[in-house]
Amino acid sequence: MKKIRPYVKDFVKRADMVLLAMCIVCALFGIVVISSASSALDDGPVRYVLVQSISLIIGIVLFVLLTIIDLDVFAEKWMVLIVLEVAFMLLLLTPLGYADNTGNRAWLRFGPMGVQPTEVIKIAFIIAMAKHMSYLKNYKNINSPMSILQLVVHCGFIIGVIVAISKDIGSALVFLFIFIIMLFCAGVKLYWFLFGLAAAAAVTPFVWTKVLNQRYRDRILCPYDMSIDPSGFGIRWQWNQSRLALASGQLTGTGLYNGQQTQSRALPEAHTDFIFSVIGEELGMIACVFVFLMLLAIIARCIYIGVKSQNTLSMLVCMGAAGSLIFQTLENIGMCIGIAPIIGITLPFISYGGSSMFSLLALMGIVSGVKYRPKPERFRSYR
């Protein structure tokens, strides 16, 4: 035990324990809410609490390991990471892959355990993209047309694989947002973003009419067009129940296990997509503000570590991690309060999901590793 103690002290001193502590607080709070949100389900809360707790423990172990392992070990094999991303997604086409209740073939089943590949490959995507961008920034001209084309093809290929195999538009949007944030932080000029916006506007009519079916179009427009499902018993049902749950909680909530919408199962996907509404109903606006501020603090910590690193690769990885949390947090809360489309995005560290839990903690471990192992001055190129 005495031999291990110095290593533990060294880890606690050098790793980002503040980041780990905030993640654990959010996760434990989430487990408590999950126990209430799933108590009315047929398979009861025990299974969900157990899976989430085990995933938290696995995630903490991954946090420690990925804090210690040098980021460069993974980044140097960035082409291998891309191959692994595609290979992992291709497993969805085997008998291991299965569709969830949305019809997306987005899960792998290993006996009683389910894994969502997009949550896992998100880490590889961020590292590979950060390495690609840092190489172009440090040794080429990242604003040259050829560099931009390389990055767009890289991102477009991965997103195309996700959409083609799993049909998971929500996850694809997370990857796209991460890419945009990393491009901005890598120093890509504003005119390229304007060009990309114009290109997106040009292809939107084709995608809207030829790619998306009517149900997808209604789901996107529903928060902004009251003429869609005016009865409120169709596609608008989820928004209505979510907002009703949030409003009924008022300032302090009705108490755990006492939410009418939650416990009557009127609120759909209460333990996953709409857990923020459960928090609002049973614990009130105070708890909602607490959750939002905690997630905001985790995001701010990722950004702070990235900026302090002054190393292009490390900075981009931290910003990619922050981008993922920003999009998921804003989209989940937005769809719960009825101002964003419902696309099946969970609330980081709070919603039920083993894959999401241990993947997020693994990603936070990589961010912690940036603080744990600062680069010498000669490796710093970002100012």
Protein backbone atom coordinates (compact mmCIF):
# COMPACT_ATOMS: atom_id res chain seq x y z
CA MET A 1 0.00 0.00 0.00
CA LYS A 2 2.88 2.36 0.84
CA LYS A 3 4.36 1.76 -2.64
CA ILE A 4 1.11 2.76 -4.32
CA ARG A 5 0.51 5.87 -2.22
CA PRO A 6 3.09 8.12 -3.98
CA TYR A 7 1.55 7.29 -7.38
CA VAL A 8 -1.92 8.11 -6.07
CA LYS A 9 -0.71 11.42 -4.64
CA ASP A 10 1.01 12.24 -7.91
CA PHE A 11 -2.14 11.46 -9.88
CA VAL A 12 -4.34 13.57 -7.60
CA LYS A 13 -1.89 16.46 -7.87
CA ARG A 14 -1.46 16.41 -11.65
CA ALA A 15 -4.87 15.18 -12.93
CA ASP A 16 -7.90 17.45 -13.13
CA MET A 17 -9.72 16.31 -10.02
CA VAL A 18 -12.07 19.30 -10.24
CA LEU A 19 -13.32 18.04 -13.61
CA LEU A 20 -13.70 14.50 -12.30
CA ALA A 21 -15.55 15.70 -9.20
CA MET A 22 -18.03 17.73 -11.24
CA CYS A 23 -18.68 14.79 -13.58
CA ILE A 24 -19.28 12.44 -10.64
CA VAL A 25 -21.65 14.89 -8.96
CA CYS A 26 -23.70 15.15 -12.16
CA ALA A 27 -23.67 11.38 -12.64
CA LEU A 28 -24.78 10.64 -9.06
CA PHE A 29 -27.52 13.26 -9.33
CA GLY A 30 -28.59 11.63 -12.58
CA ILE A 31 -28.74 8.17 -10.99
CA VAL A 32 -31.07 9.49 -8.28
CA VAL A 33 -33.37 11.04 -10.89
CA ILE A 34 -33.21 7.90 -13.06
CA SER A 35 -34.40 5.82 -10.10
CA SER A 36 -37.50 8.00 -9.91
CA ALA A 37 -38.04 8.35 -13.66
CA SER A 38 -37.89 4.56 -14.17
CA SER A 39 -39.83 3.53 -11.06
CA ALA A 40 -43.11 3.29 -12.97
CA LEU A 41 -41.64 1.15 -15.78
CA ASP A 42 -42.39 -2.56 -15.96
CA ASP A 43 -38.77 -3.57 -15.38
CA GLY A 44 -38.50 -1.20 -12.43
CA PRO A 45 -35.69 1.13 -11.37
CA VAL A 46 -33.22 -1.49 -10.12
CA ARG A 47 -31.99 -2.49 -13.58
CA TYR A 48 -31.52 1.09 -14.74
CA VAL A 49 -29.80 2.24 -11.56
CA LEU A 50 -27.51 -0.79 -11.60
CA VAL A 51 -26.48 -0.35 -15.24
CA GLN A 52 -25.88 3.38 -14.77
CA SER A 53 -23.87 2.80 -11.57
CA ILE A 54 -21.68 0.14 -13.19
CA SER A 55 -21.15 2.42 -16.20
CA LEU A 56 -20.11 5.20 -13.83
CA ILE A 57 -17.51 2.96 -12.20
CA ILE A 58 -16.21 1.84 -15.61
CA GLY A 59 -16.13 5.46 -16.69
CA ILE A 60 -14.06 6.50 -13.65
CA VAL A 61 -11.55 3.73 -14.42
CA LEU A 62 -11.35 4.93 -18.03
CA PHE A 63 -10.95 8.51 -16.81
CA VAL A 64 -7.91 7.49 -14.77
CA LEU A 65 -6.35 5.39 -17.54
CA LEU A 66 -6.84 7.99 -20.26
CA THR A 67 -5.51 10.72 -17.99
CA ILE A 68 -2.27 8.77 -17.59
CA ILE A 69 -1.85 7.65 -21.23
CA ASP A 70 -0.29 10.30 -23.45
CA LEU A 71 -2.74 11.70 -26.01
CA ASP A 72 -0.02 11.48 -28.67
CA VAL A 73 -0.12 7.68 -28.42
CA PHE A 74 -3.60 7.76 -29.94
CA ALA A 75 -3.13 10.82 -32.14
CA GLU A 76 -0.15 9.35 -34.00
CA LYS A 77 -2.43 6.51 -35.13
CA TRP A 78 -5.18 8.81 -36.37
CA MET A 79 -5.64 6.96 -39.64
CA VAL A 80 -6.08 3.74 -37.68
CA LEU A 81 -8.69 5.51 -35.54
CA ILE A 82 -10.68 6.38 -38.67
CA VAL A 83 -10.60 2.75 -39.79
CA LEU A 84 -11.75 1.63 -36.34
CA GLU A 85 -14.59 4.16 -36.41
CA VAL A 86 -15.90 2.70 -39.67
CA ALA A 87 -15.33 -0.90 -38.56
CA PHE A 88 -17.26 -0.34 -35.34
CA MET A 89 -20.16 1.21 -37.24
CA LEU A 90 -20.16 -1.69 -39.73
CA LEU A 91 -20.85 -4.05 -36.82
CA LEU A 92 -24.37 -2.61 -36.85
CA LEU A 93 -24.94 -4.46 -40.13
CA THR A 94 -24.15 -7.80 -38.46
CA PRO A 95 -26.57 -9.78 -36.26
CA LEU A 96 -25.14 -7.83 -33.31
CA GLY A 97 -26.86 -4.66 -34.53
CA TYR A 98 -30.46 -3.90 -33.70
CA ALA A 99 -32.90 -1.01 -33.99
CA ASP A 100 -34.23 1.02 -31.08
CA ASN A 101 -37.80 2.21 -30.68
CA THR A 102 -37.17 5.09 -33.11
CA GLY A 103 -36.31 2.71 -35.93
CA ASN A 104 -32.64 3.69 -35.97
CA ARG A 105 -30.24 0.75 -36.18
CA ALA A 106 -27.98 2.38 -33.61
CA TRP A 107 -27.20 -0.30 -31.01
CA LEU A 108 -24.99 -3.35 -30.66
CA ARG A 109 -26.22 -6.12 -28.41
CA PHE A 110 -23.69 -8.28 -26.53
CA GLY A 111 -25.90 -10.60 -24.52
CA PRO A 112 -27.67 -8.48 -21.90
CA MET A 113 -25.44 -5.48 -22.64
CA GLY A 114 -26.15 -2.85 -25.29
CA VAL A 115 -23.58 -0.43 -26.70
CA GLN A 116 -24.22 2.61 -28.89
CA PRO A 117 -21.29 2.79 -31.36
CA THR A 118 -21.64 6.52 -32.07
CA GLU A 119 -20.93 7.32 -28.41
CA VAL A 120 -17.70 5.33 -28.54
CA ILE A 121 -16.41 6.48 -31.93
CA LYS A 122 -17.03 10.11 -30.95
CA ILE A 123 -13.80 9.95 -28.94
CA ALA A 124 -11.84 8.56 -31.91
CA PHE A 125 -13.43 11.17 -34.20
CA ILE A 126 -12.33 14.06 -31.98
CA ILE A 127 -8.76 12.77 -31.64
CA ALA A 128 -8.39 11.95 -35.35
CA MET A 129 -9.88 15.26 -36.44
CA ALA A 130 -7.71 17.17 -33.96
CA LYS A 131 -4.58 15.46 -35.29
CA HIS A 132 -5.61 16.14 -38.89
CA MET A 133 -6.30 19.81 -38.19
CA SER A 134 -3.15 20.33 -36.11
CA TYR A 135 -1.04 18.82 -38.90
CA LEU A 136 -2.57 21.12 -41.51
CA LYS A 137 -2.23 24.12 -39.21
CA ASN A 138 1.38 23.48 -38.22
CA TYR A 139 2.86 22.13 -41.45
CA LYS A 140 0.52 23.26 -44.23
CA ASN A 141 -1.94 26.10 -44.74
CA ILE A 142 -5.17 25.13 -43.03
CA ASN A 143 -7.05 27.83 -44.97
CA SER A 144 -6.01 26.57 -48.39
CA PRO A 145 -8.79 25.03 -50.52
CA MET A 146 -7.03 21.64 -50.46
CA SER A 147 -6.81 21.63 -46.65
CA ILE A 148 -10.47 22.56 -46.27
CA LEU A 149 -11.43 19.90 -48.80
CA GLN A 150 -9.49 17.26 -46.85
CA LEU A 151 -11.22 18.18 -43.60
CA VAL A 152 -14.69 18.31 -45.16
CA VAL A 153 -14.17 14.90 -46.79
CA HIS A 154 -12.91 13.50 -43.47
CA CYS A 155 -15.93 14.75 -41.55
CA GLY A 156 -18.42 14.06 -44.35
CA PHE A 157 -17.21 10.49 -44.71
CA ILE A 158 -17.73 9.69 -41.01
CA ILE A 159 -21.12 11.42 -40.88
CA GLY A 160 -22.13 9.66 -44.10
CA VAL A 161 -21.24 6.29 -42.58
CA ILE A 162 -23.31 7.09 -39.47
CA VAL A 163 -26.39 8.16 -41.44
CA ALA A 164 -26.13 5.37 -44.04
CA ILE A 165 -25.75 2.59 -41.49
CA SER A 166 -27.68 3.72 -38.42
CA LYS A 167 -30.05 6.43 -39.79
CA ASP A 168 -29.23 8.31 -36.57
CA ILE A 169 -29.60 11.96 -37.61
CA GLY A 170 -29.24 13.17 -34.02
CA SER A 171 -25.77 11.67 -33.57
CA ALA A 172 -24.74 12.92 -37.02
CA LEU A 173 -25.63 16.47 -35.96
CA VAL A 174 -23.48 16.13 -32.83
CA PHE A 175 -20.49 15.14 -34.99
CA LEU A 176 -21.16 18.03 -37.37
CA PHE A 177 -21.30 20.54 -34.51
CA ILE A 178 -18.05 19.18 -33.05
CA PHE A 179 -16.43 19.59 -36.46
CA ILE A 180 -17.58 23.20 -36.82
CA ILE A 181 -16.35 24.14 -33.34
CA MET A 182 -12.96 22.53 -33.99
CA LEU A 183 -12.65 24.29 -37.35
CA PHE A 184 -13.26 27.63 -35.69
CA CYS A 185 -10.77 26.93 -32.91
CA ALA A 186 -8.16 25.73 -35.42
CA GLY A 187 -8.12 29.18 -37.00
CA VAL A 188 -10.15 28.58 -40.16
CA LYS A 189 -11.11 31.93 -41.68
CA LEU A 190 -14.65 33.28 -41.50
CA TYR A 191 -15.13 33.25 -45.27
CA TRP A 192 -14.96 29.44 -45.28
CA PHE A 193 -17.84 29.29 -42.79
CA LEU A 194 -19.84 31.68 -44.97
CA PHE A 195 -19.08 29.53 -47.99
CA GLY A 196 -20.18 26.43 -46.08
CA LEU A 197 -23.38 28.17 -45.00
CA ALA A 198 -24.13 29.09 -48.60
CA ALA A 199 -23.45 25.53 -49.75
CA ALA A 200 -25.74 24.18 -47.03
CA ALA A 201 -28.49 26.60 -48.08
CA ALA A 202 -28.11 25.44 -51.69
CA VAL A 203 -28.53 21.72 -50.90
CA THR A 204 -31.19 22.14 -48.21
CA PRO A 205 -34.16 22.12 -50.62
CA PHE A 206 -32.97 18.84 -52.14
CA VAL A 207 -32.42 17.23 -48.74
CA TRP A 208 -35.74 18.57 -47.46
CA THR A 209 -37.82 17.21 -50.34
CA LYS A 210 -35.89 14.14 -51.50
CA VAL A 211 -34.10 12.79 -48.41
CA LEU A 212 -36.33 13.57 -45.42
CA ASN A 213 -39.74 11.96 -45.24
CA GLN A 214 -42.84 13.82 -44.07
CA ARG A 215 -42.53 12.63 -40.47
CA TYR A 216 -38.97 13.97 -40.18
CA ARG A 217 -40.05 17.28 -41.69
CA ASP A 218 -42.93 17.55 -39.22
CA ARG A 219 -40.63 16.77 -36.28
CA ILE A 220 -38.27 19.55 -37.33
CA LEU A 221 -41.00 22.15 -37.90
CA CYS A 222 -43.26 21.12 -35.03
CA PRO A 223 -41.81 23.50 -32.37
CA TYR A 224 -42.26 26.47 -34.72
CA ASP A 225 -45.45 25.65 -36.66
CA MET A 226 -48.57 25.30 -34.52
CA SER A 227 -50.59 24.09 -37.53
CA ILE A 228 -48.78 20.73 -37.32
CA ASP A 229 -50.82 18.39 -35.15
CA PRO A 230 -53.19 21.06 -33.72
CA SER A 231 -54.97 18.41 -31.63
CA GLY A 232 -51.74 17.74 -29.70
CA PHE A 233 -52.26 13.98 -29.70
CA GLY A 234 -49.86 13.15 -32.51
CA ILE A 235 -46.32 14.29 -33.10
CA ARG A 236 -46.76 17.20 -30.67
CA TRP A 237 -47.69 14.90 -27.79
CA GLN A 238 -44.13 14.57 -26.45
CA TRP A 239 -43.54 18.34 -26.36
CA ASN A 240 -46.87 18.94 -24.65
CA GLN A 241 -46.21 16.36 -21.91
CA SER A 242 -42.67 17.60 -21.41
CA ARG A 243 -43.71 21.23 -20.99
CA LEU A 244 -46.61 20.21 -18.75
CA ALA A 245 -44.20 18.32 -16.49
CA LEU A 246 -41.79 21.26 -16.33
CA ALA A 247 -44.55 23.76 -15.58
CA SER A 248 -46.14 21.64 -12.85
CA GLY A 249 -42.90 21.47 -10.85
CA GLN A 250 -42.73 25.25 -10.34
CA LEU A 251 -39.84 26.36 -8.09
CA THR A 252 -39.19 23.37 -5.81
CA GLY A 253 -40.99 20.50 -7.53
CA THR A 254 -43.48 17.89 -6.38
CA GLY A 255 -40.83 15.64 -4.84
CA LEU A 256 -39.03 12.54 -6.08
CA TYR A 257 -41.39 9.68 -7.07
CA ASN A 258 -44.32 12.13 -6.88
CA GLY A 259 -44.40 13.68 -10.35
CA GLN A 260 -47.80 13.10 -11.91
CA GLN A 261 -46.58 13.10 -15.51
CA THR A 262 -43.51 11.02 -14.69
CA GLN A 263 -45.08 8.40 -12.47
CA SER A 264 -48.18 7.97 -14.66
CA ARG A 265 -45.87 7.29 -17.63
CA ALA A 266 -47.55 10.12 -19.53
CA LEU A 267 -44.09 11.62 -20.07
CA PRO A 268 -42.36 9.49 -22.76
CA GLU A 269 -38.71 8.39 -22.42
CA ALA A 270 -38.61 9.98 -18.99
CA HIS A 271 -35.32 8.35 -17.96
CA THR A 272 -33.49 9.20 -21.20
CA ASP A 273 -34.50 11.98 -23.61
CA PHE A 274 -36.83 13.85 -21.23
CA ILE A 275 -35.03 13.47 -17.92
CA PHE A 276 -34.66 17.26 -17.71
CA SER A 277 -38.47 17.46 -17.62
CA VAL A 278 -38.50 14.92 -14.78
CA ILE A 279 -36.05 17.11 -12.88
CA GLY A 280 -38.27 20.13 -13.46
CA GLU A 281 -41.43 18.34 -12.34
CA GLU A 282 -40.12 16.55 -9.27
CA LEU A 283 -37.29 18.80 -8.10
CA GLY A 284 -38.33 22.13 -9.57
CA MET A 285 -36.68 25.01 -11.36
CA ILE A 286 -33.96 25.23 -8.71
CA ALA A 287 -32.71 21.76 -9.63
CA CYS A 288 -32.94 22.55 -13.36
CA VAL A 289 -30.74 25.61 -12.85
CA PHE A 290 -28.31 23.51 -10.77
CA VAL A 291 -27.99 20.91 -13.54
CA PHE A 292 -27.51 23.56 -16.22
CA LEU A 293 -24.83 25.36 -14.18
CA MET A 294 -22.99 22.10 -13.43
CA LEU A 295 -22.88 21.16 -17.10
CA LEU A 296 -21.85 24.71 -17.97
CA ALA A 297 -19.02 24.43 -15.44
CA ILE A 298 -17.80 21.16 -17.01
CA ILE A 299 -17.86 22.77 -20.45
CA ALA A 300 -16.00 25.82 -19.15
CA ARG A 301 -13.41 23.56 -17.53
CA CYS A 302 -12.77 21.76 -20.82
CA ILE A 303 -12.32 25.09 -22.61
CA TYR A 304 -10.04 26.40 -19.86
CA ILE A 305 -7.77 23.35 -20.00
CA GLY A 306 -7.63 23.56 -23.78
CA VAL A 307 -6.68 27.24 -23.84
CA LYS A 308 -4.11 26.81 -21.06
CA SER A 309 -2.47 23.91 -22.91
CA GLN A 310 -1.25 26.25 -25.70
CA ASN A 311 -0.74 23.15 -27.84
CA THR A 312 -2.74 22.81 -31.04
CA LEU A 313 -3.60 19.12 -30.76
CA SER A 314 -4.47 19.27 -27.06
CA MET A 315 -6.45 22.47 -27.49
CA LEU A 316 -8.53 21.03 -30.33
CA VAL A 317 -9.31 17.83 -28.42
CA CYS A 318 -10.52 19.87 -25.45
CA MET A 319 -12.61 22.11 -27.69
CA GLY A 320 -14.08 19.09 -29.45
CA ALA A 321 -15.08 17.64 -26.09
CA ALA A 322 -16.62 20.97 -25.08
CA GLY A 323 -18.45 21.17 -28.42
CA SER A 324 -20.02 17.77 -27.88
CA LEU A 325 -21.27 18.77 -24.42
CA ILE A 326 -22.55 22.15 -25.65
CA PHE A 327 -24.64 20.67 -28.44
CA GLN A 328 -26.07 17.83 -26.36
CA THR A 329 -26.91 20.10 -23.43
CA LEU A 330 -28.59 22.82 -25.47
CA GLU A 331 -30.43 20.42 -27.78
CA ASN A 332 -31.74 18.23 -24.94
CA ILE A 333 -32.92 21.16 -22.83
CA GLY A 334 -34.28 22.86 -25.95
CA MET A 335 -36.42 19.89 -26.94
CA CYS A 336 -37.66 19.48 -23.35
CA ILE A 337 -38.89 23.08 -23.20
CA GLY A 338 -40.32 22.87 -26.72
CA ILE A 339 -38.01 25.15 -28.73
CA ALA A 340 -35.92 22.49 -30.52
CA PRO A 341 -36.83 19.40 -32.56
CA ILE A 342 -36.85 16.04 -30.81
CA ILE A 343 -33.91 14.11 -32.23
CA GLY A 344 -33.13 11.67 -29.43
CA ILE A 345 -30.22 13.51 -27.80
CA THR A 346 -29.60 12.68 -24.14
CA LEU A 347 -28.51 15.07 -21.39
CA PRO A 348 -24.78 14.51 -20.67
CA PHE A 349 -24.01 12.61 -17.43
CA ILE A 350 -27.67 12.84 -16.37
CA SER A 351 -29.75 10.75 -18.78
CA TYR A 352 -29.77 6.97 -18.60
CA GLY A 353 -27.31 5.34 -20.97
CA GLY A 354 -24.30 3.20 -20.11
CA SER A 355 -22.51 3.89 -23.40
CA SER A 356 -22.95 7.62 -22.98
CA MET A 357 -21.76 7.56 -19.37
CA PHE A 358 -18.49 5.69 -19.77
CA SER A 359 -17.73 7.35 -23.14
CA LEU A 360 -18.17 10.83 -21.69
CA LEU A 361 -15.97 10.04 -18.71
CA ALA A 362 -13.36 8.55 -21.03
CA LEU A 363 -13.44 11.76 -23.08
CA MET A 364 -13.11 13.83 -19.91
CA GLY A 365 -10.13 11.64 -18.98
CA ILE A 366 -8.40 12.66 -22.21
CA VAL A 367 -9.10 16.30 -21.35
CA SER A 368 -7.68 15.69 -17.87
CA GLY A 369 -4.62 14.12 -19.51
CA VAL A 370 -3.91 17.44 -21.23
CA LYS A 371 -3.48 19.01 -17.78
CA TYR A 372 -1.70 15.92 -16.43
CA ARG A 373 1.00 16.02 -19.10
CA PRO A 374 1.64 19.58 -20.35
CA LYS A 375 3.77 19.78 -23.48
CA PRO A 376 7.22 21.43 -23.50
CA GLU A 377 7.44 24.89 -25.03
CA ARG A 378 8.93 23.59 -28.30
CA PHE A 379 5.72 21.69 -29.06
CA ARG A 380 3.47 24.70 -28.60
CA SER A 381 2.15 26.35 -31.72
CA TYR A 382 -1.25 27.72 -30.73
CA ARG A 383 -1.38 31.30 -29.50
